[in-house]
N, C-alpha and C. Protein backbone atom coordinates (compact mmCIF):
# COMPACT_ATOMS: atom_id res chain seq x y z
N MET A 1 16.25 11.17 -24.85
CA MET A 1 15.59 11.93 -23.26
C MET A 1 14.10 11.72 -23.87
N LEU A 2 13.70 12.48 -24.90
CA LEU A 2 12.38 12.38 -25.12
C LEU A 2 11.52 11.10 -25.37
N ILE A 3 12.27 10.11 -26.25
CA ILE A 3 11.91 8.75 -26.20
C ILE A 3 11.68 7.94 -24.92
N ALA A 4 12.06 8.18 -24.33
CA ALA A 4 12.23 7.89 -22.15
C ALA A 4 10.85 8.15 -21.63
N LYS A 5 10.97 9.88 -21.76
CA LYS A 5 9.54 9.85 -21.31
C LYS A 5 8.47 9.54 -22.18
N GLN A 6 8.58 9.50 -23.63
CA GLN A 6 7.59 8.70 -24.19
C GLN A 6 7.02 7.41 -24.00
N THR A 7 7.82 6.74 -23.56
CA THR A 7 8.10 5.55 -23.05
C THR A 7 7.40 5.20 -21.60
N VAL A 8 7.85 6.04 -21.15
CA VAL A 8 7.71 6.46 -19.26
C VAL A 8 5.75 6.19 -19.18
N SER A 9 5.95 7.62 -20.04
CA SER A 9 4.31 8.65 -20.46
C SER A 9 3.15 6.98 -20.78
N SER A 10 4.03 6.28 -21.96
CA SER A 10 2.81 5.00 -22.50
C SER A 10 3.20 3.93 -21.35
N GLN A 11 3.81 3.79 -20.47
CA GLN A 11 3.69 2.65 -19.69
C GLN A 11 2.55 3.02 -18.35
N ILE A 12 3.10 4.42 -18.13
CA ILE A 12 1.70 4.72 -17.25
C ILE A 12 0.58 5.12 -17.48
N LYS A 13 0.47 5.23 -18.94
CA LYS A 13 -1.03 4.82 -19.31
C LYS A 13 -1.59 3.74 -19.61
N VAL A 14 -1.04 2.38 -20.08
CA VAL A 14 -1.18 1.09 -19.68
C VAL A 14 -1.43 0.70 -18.30
N PHE A 15 -0.24 0.99 -17.67
CA PHE A 15 -0.65 0.55 -15.67
C PHE A 15 -1.94 1.84 -15.17
N THR A 16 -2.51 2.74 -15.57
CA THR A 16 -3.13 3.23 -15.38
C THR A 16 -4.69 2.47 -16.12
N GLU A 17 -5.10 2.46 -16.71
CA GLU A 17 -5.78 1.40 -17.42
C GLU A 17 -6.38 -0.12 -16.89
N LYS A 18 -4.84 -0.82 -16.26
CA LYS A 18 -4.73 -1.66 -15.58
C LYS A 18 -5.40 -1.15 -14.89
N LEU A 19 -5.40 0.15 -13.72
CA LEU A 19 -5.90 0.22 -12.55
C LEU A 19 -7.33 0.40 -12.75
N ARG A 20 -8.06 1.26 -13.46
CA ARG A 20 -9.44 1.04 -14.26
C ARG A 20 -9.86 0.12 -13.98
N GLN A 21 -9.32 -0.67 -15.09
CA GLN A 21 -10.04 -2.58 -14.69
C GLN A 21 -9.85 -3.10 -13.77
N LEU A 22 -9.35 -2.77 -12.75
CA LEU A 22 -9.74 -3.52 -10.76
C LEU A 22 -11.14 -3.74 -10.70
N ASP A 23 -11.69 -4.76 -9.76
CA ASP A 23 -12.99 -4.15 -9.29
C ASP A 23 -12.69 -4.31 -7.77
N LEU A 24 -12.66 -3.20 -7.43
CA LEU A 24 -12.44 -2.97 -6.00
C LEU A 24 -13.70 -2.88 -5.61
N GLY A 25 -14.96 -3.28 -5.73
CA GLY A 25 -15.84 -3.39 -5.43
C GLY A 25 -16.24 -4.33 -4.41
N PRO A 26 -15.43 -5.14 -4.35
CA PRO A 26 -15.78 -6.04 -2.65
C PRO A 26 -15.22 -5.68 -1.62
N ILE A 27 -13.75 -4.82 -1.95
CA ILE A 27 -13.26 -3.92 -1.03
C ILE A 27 -13.99 -3.04 -0.18
N ALA A 28 -14.31 -2.20 -1.40
CA ALA A 28 -15.09 -1.02 -0.70
C ALA A 28 -16.41 -2.15 -0.44
N TYR A 29 -16.82 -2.55 -0.47
CA TYR A 29 -18.15 -3.05 0.30
C TYR A 29 -17.41 -3.44 1.74
N LYS A 30 -16.61 -4.31 1.75
CA LYS A 30 -16.00 -4.67 2.93
C LYS A 30 -16.32 -3.49 4.14
N LEU A 31 -15.57 -2.38 3.41
CA LEU A 31 -15.17 -1.11 4.03
C LEU A 31 -16.23 -0.06 4.46
N MET A 32 -17.07 -0.06 4.24
CA MET A 32 -18.49 -0.16 4.10
C MET A 32 -19.43 -0.11 5.10
N ASN A 33 -19.09 -1.98 5.30
CA ASN A 33 -19.97 -2.31 6.26
C ASN A 33 -19.47 -2.32 7.74
N ASP A 34 -21.18 -2.51 8.31
CA ASP A 34 -21.24 -2.40 9.76
C ASP A 34 -20.47 -3.02 10.75
N SER A 35 -21.01 -3.98 9.97
CA SER A 35 -21.19 -5.24 11.04
C SER A 35 -19.63 -6.06 11.01
N ASN A 36 -19.03 -6.00 10.09
CA ASN A 36 -17.60 -6.86 9.50
C ASN A 36 -16.67 -6.42 8.90
N GLY A 37 -16.61 -4.80 8.56
CA GLY A 37 -15.75 -3.81 7.91
C GLY A 37 -15.48 -2.75 9.06
N LEU A 38 -15.50 -1.73 8.69
CA LEU A 38 -15.44 -0.31 8.72
C LEU A 38 -16.47 1.08 8.91
N GLY A 39 -17.18 0.46 8.47
CA GLY A 39 -18.59 1.68 8.38
C GLY A 39 -18.14 2.54 8.09
N TRP A 40 -16.84 2.62 6.68
CA TRP A 40 -17.34 3.81 6.37
C TRP A 40 -18.14 3.93 5.79
N SER A 41 -18.52 5.82 5.35
CA SER A 41 -19.51 6.41 4.35
C SER A 41 -18.45 5.93 3.06
N ARG A 42 -19.63 6.10 1.72
CA ARG A 42 -19.35 6.27 0.42
C ARG A 42 -18.09 6.92 0.30
N GLU A 43 -18.26 8.18 0.58
CA GLU A 43 -17.37 9.56 0.61
C GLU A 43 -15.70 9.16 1.19
N LYS A 44 -15.75 8.53 2.29
CA LYS A 44 -14.77 8.20 2.56
C LYS A 44 -13.80 7.10 1.83
N THR A 45 -14.52 5.63 1.75
CA THR A 45 -14.12 4.46 1.03
C THR A 45 -13.63 5.61 -0.12
N SER A 46 -14.32 6.20 -1.30
CA SER A 46 -13.97 6.47 -2.60
C SER A 46 -12.70 7.27 -2.50
N GLN A 47 -12.23 7.83 -1.07
CA GLN A 47 -11.17 9.15 -1.58
C GLN A 47 -10.09 8.10 -0.93
N ALA A 48 -10.20 7.08 -0.17
CA ALA A 48 -9.63 5.82 0.40
C ALA A 48 -9.04 4.94 -0.21
N ILE A 49 -9.60 4.36 -1.36
CA ILE A 49 -9.80 3.25 -2.61
C ILE A 49 -8.77 4.71 -3.32
N SER A 50 -9.01 5.73 -3.34
CA SER A 50 -8.14 7.02 -4.34
C SER A 50 -6.49 6.50 -4.36
N ARG A 51 -6.63 7.06 -2.93
CA ARG A 51 -5.37 7.07 -2.27
C ARG A 51 -4.40 6.28 -2.59
N TYR A 52 -5.04 4.76 -2.25
CA TYR A 52 -4.69 3.62 -2.49
C TYR A 52 -4.54 3.19 -3.87
N LEU A 53 -4.66 4.06 -4.65
CA LEU A 53 -4.09 3.54 -5.92
C LEU A 53 -3.21 4.88 -6.53
N MET A 54 -3.06 5.25 -5.77
CA MET A 54 -1.62 6.66 -5.88
C MET A 54 -0.55 6.03 -5.08
N PHE A 55 -1.14 4.91 -3.82
CA PHE A 55 0.11 4.15 -4.04
C PHE A 55 0.70 2.96 -4.44
N LEU A 56 -0.53 2.26 -5.06
CA LEU A 56 -0.12 1.14 -5.71
C LEU A 56 0.73 1.74 -7.15
N THR A 57 0.55 3.08 -7.64
CA THR A 57 1.51 4.15 -8.80
C THR A 57 2.15 4.02 -8.05
N LEU A 58 2.73 4.28 -7.19
CA LEU A 58 4.38 4.69 -6.62
C LEU A 58 5.19 3.58 -6.81
N ILE A 59 4.19 2.35 -6.45
CA ILE A 59 4.95 1.33 -5.85
C ILE A 59 5.63 0.99 -8.16
N TYR A 60 4.65 0.50 -8.59
CA TYR A 60 4.17 0.69 -10.25
C TYR A 60 6.07 1.52 -10.97
N LEU A 61 6.12 2.84 -10.58
CA LEU A 61 6.60 3.80 -10.98
C LEU A 61 8.23 3.52 -10.60
N TYR A 62 8.35 3.09 -9.21
CA TYR A 62 9.14 3.40 -8.34
C TYR A 62 9.62 1.87 -7.81
N PRO A 63 9.49 0.89 -8.74
CA PRO A 63 9.89 -0.46 -8.21
C PRO A 63 10.66 -0.69 -7.23
N ASN A 64 12.22 -0.10 -7.26
CA ASN A 64 13.01 -0.67 -5.89
C ASN A 64 13.65 0.26 -4.68
N ARG A 65 12.16 1.54 -4.57
CA ARG A 65 12.28 2.41 -4.15
C ARG A 65 11.56 1.76 -2.51
N GLN A 66 11.45 1.97 -1.10
CA GLN A 66 10.93 1.62 -0.44
C GLN A 66 9.54 3.23 0.55
N PHE A 67 8.38 2.59 0.36
CA PHE A 67 7.69 3.17 1.27
C PHE A 67 6.86 2.50 1.92
N VAL A 68 6.29 3.56 2.62
CA VAL A 68 5.38 3.82 3.89
C VAL A 68 3.75 3.81 3.81
N PRO A 69 2.62 3.36 3.70
CA PRO A 69 1.47 4.05 3.24
C PRO A 69 1.10 4.75 4.52
N SER A 70 -0.17 5.65 4.56
CA SER A 70 -0.55 6.04 5.49
C SER A 70 -0.97 5.00 6.33
N ARG A 71 -2.01 5.45 7.93
CA ARG A 71 -2.87 4.27 7.89
C ARG A 71 -4.09 4.02 7.37
N GLU A 72 -4.55 4.90 6.89
CA GLU A 72 -5.54 4.80 6.08
C GLU A 72 -5.44 3.99 4.49
N ILE A 73 -4.48 4.38 3.87
CA ILE A 73 -4.14 3.63 2.97
C ILE A 73 -3.80 1.96 3.14
N ASP A 74 -2.92 1.94 4.35
CA ASP A 74 -2.33 0.66 4.82
C ASP A 74 -3.88 -0.39 4.98
N LEU A 75 -5.55 1.16 5.68
CA LEU A 75 -6.87 -0.37 5.81
C LEU A 75 -7.20 -0.47 4.99
N VAL A 76 -7.13 0.10 3.37
CA VAL A 76 -7.25 -0.46 2.52
C VAL A 76 -7.19 -1.43 1.82
N TRP A 77 -5.54 -1.51 1.95
CA TRP A 77 -4.44 -2.15 1.73
C TRP A 77 -5.21 -4.05 2.57
N HIS A 78 -4.97 -3.85 3.36
CA HIS A 78 -5.03 -5.06 4.45
C HIS A 78 -6.90 -6.08 3.96
N PHE A 79 -7.95 -4.28 3.47
CA PHE A 79 -9.02 -5.38 3.12
C PHE A 79 -8.71 -6.21 1.74
N HIS A 80 -7.89 -4.96 0.91
CA HIS A 80 -7.65 -6.14 -0.45
C HIS A 80 -7.07 -7.57 -0.26
N ILE A 81 -5.87 -7.26 0.91
CA ILE A 81 -5.12 -8.53 0.90
C ILE A 81 -6.31 -9.95 1.41
N ILE A 82 -7.13 -9.07 2.45
CA ILE A 82 -7.48 -10.97 2.74
C ILE A 82 -8.44 -11.31 2.09
N ASP A 83 -8.76 -11.05 0.96
CA ASP A 83 -9.45 -11.73 -0.39
C ASP A 83 -8.35 -11.37 -1.27
N THR A 84 -7.55 -13.27 -0.87
CA THR A 84 -6.24 -13.83 -1.23
C THR A 84 -5.97 -13.91 -2.25
N ILE A 85 -7.13 -14.45 -3.22
CA ILE A 85 -6.51 -15.24 -4.62
C ILE A 85 -7.34 -12.98 -5.72
N LYS A 86 -8.27 -12.39 -4.77
CA LYS A 86 -8.20 -11.16 -5.68
C LYS A 86 -6.68 -10.35 -6.14
N TYR A 87 -6.64 -10.41 -4.35
CA TYR A 87 -4.95 -9.66 -4.32
C TYR A 87 -3.81 -10.30 -4.96
N ALA A 88 -4.35 -12.06 -5.18
CA ALA A 88 -3.14 -12.01 -6.06
C ALA A 88 -2.71 -11.79 -7.63
N GLN A 89 -4.28 -12.08 -7.62
CA GLN A 89 -4.65 -12.02 -8.70
C GLN A 89 -4.65 -10.60 -9.58
N ASP A 90 -4.56 -9.47 -8.86
CA ASP A 90 -4.73 -8.21 -8.75
C ASP A 90 -3.18 -7.85 -9.23
N CYS A 91 -2.19 -8.41 -8.17
CA CYS A 91 -0.65 -7.79 -8.26
C CYS A 91 -0.20 -8.71 -9.50
N GLN A 92 -0.49 -9.83 -9.70
CA GLN A 92 -0.48 -10.05 -10.80
C GLN A 92 -0.73 -9.31 -12.04
N ILE A 93 -2.10 -8.84 -12.06
CA ILE A 93 -1.93 -7.84 -13.62
C ILE A 93 -1.82 -6.69 -13.19
N LEU A 94 -1.38 -6.23 -12.26
CA LEU A 94 -0.73 -4.65 -12.16
C LEU A 94 1.06 -4.78 -12.40
N PHE A 95 1.69 -6.41 -11.32
CA PHE A 95 2.97 -5.87 -11.03
C PHE A 95 3.75 -7.15 -12.32
N GLY A 96 3.04 -8.01 -12.23
CA GLY A 96 3.73 -8.81 -12.92
C GLY A 96 4.43 -10.15 -11.45
N TYR A 97 4.56 -9.84 -9.81
CA TYR A 97 4.18 -10.40 -9.32
C TYR A 97 3.75 -9.97 -7.93
N PHE A 98 3.49 -10.63 -7.06
CA PHE A 98 2.96 -10.17 -5.45
C PHE A 98 3.87 -9.64 -4.83
N ILE A 99 3.26 -8.03 -4.69
CA ILE A 99 3.35 -7.56 -3.86
C ILE A 99 3.17 -7.72 -2.06
N HIS A 100 4.47 -7.86 -1.37
CA HIS A 100 4.26 -8.88 -0.04
C HIS A 100 3.84 -7.55 0.89
N HIS A 101 3.50 -8.14 1.71
CA HIS A 101 2.95 -6.84 3.34
C HIS A 101 4.12 -7.35 4.26
N PHE A 102 4.72 -6.15 4.98
CA PHE A 102 5.54 -6.47 5.84
C PHE A 102 5.73 -5.75 7.33
N PRO A 103 4.98 -6.24 7.50
CA PRO A 103 4.11 -5.78 9.25
C PRO A 103 5.09 -5.54 9.97
N TYR A 104 5.77 -5.60 10.09
CA TYR A 104 6.97 -5.55 11.19
C TYR A 104 7.98 -3.74 11.53
N PHE A 105 7.77 -3.25 9.96
CA PHE A 105 8.69 -2.22 10.09
C PHE A 105 8.91 -0.95 11.06
N GLY A 106 9.45 -0.29 11.54
CA GLY A 106 9.26 0.28 12.40
C GLY A 106 9.24 0.05 13.72
N ASN A 107 8.76 -1.55 13.76
CA ASN A 107 8.65 -1.91 15.44
C ASN A 107 9.73 -2.27 15.79
N ARG A 108 10.90 -3.01 15.35
CA ARG A 108 11.96 -4.12 15.69
C ARG A 108 12.63 -2.88 16.60
N ASP A 109 12.58 -1.99 16.69
CA ASP A 109 13.64 -1.06 17.50
C ASP A 109 13.76 0.55 17.09
N ALA A 110 14.28 1.22 17.29
CA ALA A 110 14.30 2.73 17.77
C ALA A 110 15.01 2.98 16.32
N ALA A 111 15.37 2.91 16.26
CA ALA A 111 16.33 2.73 14.65
C ALA A 111 15.29 2.57 13.72
N ASP A 112 14.35 1.96 13.35
CA ASP A 112 13.45 1.06 12.95
C ASP A 112 12.35 2.36 12.28
N ARG A 113 12.25 2.67 14.00
CA ARG A 113 11.30 3.67 13.74
C ARG A 113 11.66 5.05 13.16
N LYS A 114 12.64 5.56 13.02
CA LYS A 114 13.06 6.68 12.63
C LYS A 114 12.85 6.52 10.99
N ASN A 115 13.58 5.02 10.56
CA ASN A 115 13.30 4.98 9.28
C ASN A 115 12.21 4.97 8.72
N LEU A 116 11.71 4.06 9.21
CA LEU A 116 10.33 4.09 9.22
C LEU A 116 9.44 5.96 8.56
N GLU A 117 9.70 6.26 10.08
CA GLU A 117 9.24 8.09 10.04
C GLU A 117 10.01 8.24 8.83
N PHE A 118 10.93 8.46 8.51
CA PHE A 118 12.15 8.93 6.93
C PHE A 118 11.36 8.19 6.03
N ILE A 119 11.11 6.89 5.49
CA ILE A 119 10.84 6.65 4.63
C ILE A 119 8.78 6.93 4.04
N PHE A 120 8.72 7.64 5.26
CA PHE A 120 6.94 7.74 5.21
C PHE A 120 7.09 9.34 4.47
N LYS A 121 8.46 10.19 5.51
CA LYS A 121 8.05 11.43 4.97
C LYS A 121 8.34 11.40 2.98
N GLN A 122 9.21 10.44 2.74
CA GLN A 122 10.01 10.77 1.45
C GLN A 122 8.48 10.93 0.48
N THR A 123 7.80 9.43 1.13
CA THR A 123 6.83 8.76 0.22
C THR A 123 5.32 9.92 0.60
N GLN A 124 5.43 11.01 1.27
CA GLN A 124 4.25 11.90 1.26
C GLN A 124 5.22 12.99 0.31
N VAL A 125 6.50 13.14 0.27
CA VAL A 125 7.13 14.11 -0.71
C VAL A 125 6.44 13.63 -2.07
N LEU A 126 6.87 12.33 -2.52
CA LEU A 126 6.46 11.73 -3.77
C LEU A 126 4.76 12.15 -3.91
N PHE A 127 4.31 11.51 -3.49
CA PHE A 127 2.89 11.98 -3.22
C PHE A 127 2.36 13.44 -3.50
N GLU A 128 3.42 14.27 -3.31
CA GLU A 128 2.90 15.39 -3.62
C GLU A 128 3.53 15.78 -4.94
N GLU A 129 4.65 15.24 -5.33
CA GLU A 129 5.34 15.51 -6.82
C GLU A 129 4.01 14.92 -8.34
N HIS A 130 3.48 13.78 -7.79
CA HIS A 130 2.83 12.71 -8.44
C HIS A 130 1.02 13.38 -8.32
N PHE A 131 0.32 13.64 -7.52
CA PHE A 131 -1.03 13.42 -7.81
C PHE A 131 -1.32 15.19 -6.80
N GLY A 132 0.11 16.12 -6.31
CA GLY A 132 -0.87 17.33 -5.98
C GLY A 132 -0.23 17.37 -4.46
N PRO A 133 -0.74 19.32 -3.91
CA PRO A 133 -0.47 19.23 -2.77
C PRO A 133 -1.11 18.49 -1.73
N ASN A 134 -1.07 18.57 -0.61
CA ASN A 134 -2.08 17.73 0.53
C ASN A 134 -2.28 16.51 0.00
N SER A 135 -1.59 15.34 -0.76
CA SER A 135 -2.27 14.58 -1.18
C SER A 135 -2.52 13.00 -0.02
N LEU A 136 -1.46 13.52 0.46
CA LEU A 136 -1.02 12.69 1.76
C LEU A 136 -0.66 13.27 3.15
N THR A 137 -1.18 14.40 2.99
CA THR A 137 -0.73 15.31 4.39
C THR A 137 -1.91 15.81 4.87
N GLU A 138 -3.08 15.91 4.45
CA GLU A 138 -4.65 16.81 4.98
C GLU A 138 -4.79 15.18 6.37
N GLU A 139 -5.42 16.13 7.08
CA GLU A 139 -5.72 15.65 8.77
C GLU A 139 -6.19 14.77 8.73
N GLY A 140 -5.87 13.40 8.76
CA GLY A 140 -6.54 12.17 9.15
C GLY A 140 -5.98 11.25 8.34
N VAL A 141 -5.15 11.45 7.60
CA VAL A 141 -4.64 10.38 6.73
C VAL A 141 -2.95 10.44 6.60
N SER A 142 -2.28 11.45 6.80
CA SER A 142 -0.88 12.15 7.17
C SER A 142 -0.08 11.35 8.28
N GLU A 143 -0.31 10.12 8.84
CA GLU A 143 -0.41 8.82 10.21
C GLU A 143 0.59 7.79 9.49
N ALA A 144 1.57 7.30 9.20
CA ALA A 144 2.23 6.58 9.15
C ALA A 144 1.74 5.08 9.47
N ALA A 145 1.78 4.26 9.12
CA ALA A 145 1.26 2.99 8.72
C ALA A 145 2.40 1.64 9.34
N ASP A 146 2.33 1.15 10.37
CA ASP A 146 3.75 -0.06 11.15
C ASP A 146 4.10 -0.87 10.02
N CYS A 147 4.26 -0.80 8.60
CA CYS A 147 4.29 -1.96 7.21
C CYS A 147 4.69 -1.31 6.03
N GLN A 148 5.18 -1.95 4.82
CA GLN A 148 5.57 -1.54 4.24
C GLN A 148 5.33 -2.92 3.14
N PRO A 149 5.26 -1.89 1.36
CA PRO A 149 5.81 -2.84 0.67
C PRO A 149 6.79 -3.95 0.21
N ILE A 150 6.39 -5.10 0.17
CA ILE A 150 7.48 -5.30 -0.61
C ILE A 150 7.90 -6.57 -1.99
N GLY A 151 8.77 -6.16 -3.10
CA GLY A 151 8.63 -7.00 -4.21
C GLY A 151 9.21 -7.99 -4.19
N TYR A 152 9.72 -8.01 -3.07
CA TYR A 152 10.53 -9.48 -3.71
C TYR A 152 11.29 -10.10 -2.45
N ILE A 153 11.11 -11.54 -2.32
CA ILE A 153 11.33 -12.33 -0.98
C ILE A 153 13.02 -11.78 -0.50
N TYR A 154 12.59 -11.37 0.83
CA TYR A 154 14.02 -10.81 0.96
C TYR A 154 13.88 -11.66 2.76
N ASN A 155 15.09 -11.87 2.85
CA ASN A 155 14.82 -12.27 4.38
C ASN A 155 14.85 -11.42 5.75
N PHE A 156 14.27 -10.71 6.28
CA PHE A 156 13.80 -9.65 7.00
C PHE A 156 13.77 -10.03 8.46
N VAL A 157 14.35 -9.99 9.23
CA VAL A 157 14.41 -10.36 10.56
C VAL A 157 12.94 -9.52 11.39
N ARG A 158 12.01 -10.09 11.68
CA ARG A 158 11.25 -9.89 12.42
C ARG A 158 10.71 -10.17 14.00
N PRO A 159 10.81 -9.06 14.97
CA PRO A 159 10.16 -9.40 16.47
C PRO A 159 9.71 -10.46 16.56
N ARG A 160 9.36 -11.24 18.00
CA ARG A 160 9.19 -12.07 17.85
C ARG A 160 9.07 -12.63 19.50
N ILE A 161 8.05 -13.25 19.61
CA ILE A 161 7.84 -13.48 21.34
C ILE A 161 8.01 -15.69 21.38
N GLU A 162 8.79 -16.21 21.90
CA GLU A 162 8.83 -16.99 21.47
C GLU A 162 7.19 -17.66 22.60
N ILE A 163 7.33 -18.54 21.77
CA ILE A 163 6.07 -19.95 21.93
C ILE A 163 5.86 -21.11 21.97
N ASN A 164 5.72 -21.81 22.77
CA ASN A 164 6.30 -23.34 22.47
C ASN A 164 4.89 -24.42 21.78
N LEU A 165 5.02 -24.48 20.80
CA LEU A 165 3.59 -25.36 20.37
C LEU A 165 3.54 -26.63 20.65
N MET A 166 4.59 -27.18 21.54
CA MET A 166 4.76 -28.33 22.09
C MET A 166 3.35 -28.13 22.86
N GLU A 167 3.20 -27.29 23.71
CA GLU A 167 2.37 -27.20 24.67
C GLU A 167 1.06 -27.05 24.40
N LEU A 168 1.22 -26.29 23.49
CA LEU A 168 -0.60 -25.54 22.69
C LEU A 168 -1.72 -26.66 21.54
N VAL A 169 -0.90 -28.02 21.49
CA VAL A 169 -0.98 -29.13 20.55
C VAL A 169 -1.34 -30.12 21.64
């Protein structure tokens, strides 16, 4: 038991060091940019990126669990994903594989929405366990985003609207 804890502790130290090596300056720039970003303050950006790093840590700690990010974390995640080369490299460094973004979770039907809310509550509990009280429950960051991270390829059902591409081309 003690060995397992030491191993986990050692793995967390390595992962935390990898997180510290990431260059999220370009993402911060976009988040703070008034013209083509969100126009966030430096303080808001730092807090949001910090929560995003916590979210990535949970994905690392629990690779077989489902998570739902807060809307704030999802916004940071989107700006990271938009820099596709950087995001792919960072995923490889952190996890050894690509973390996909599934943007339809909670949108397919009422049961799907309920499942999203349930998983978000579980995500909040893990945030509190690992990062302290109110780490994902304070006002402004406690709303679930309509998505989830996926570390493996799976044939998910996506909502759809039929489009005749022959008419568009």
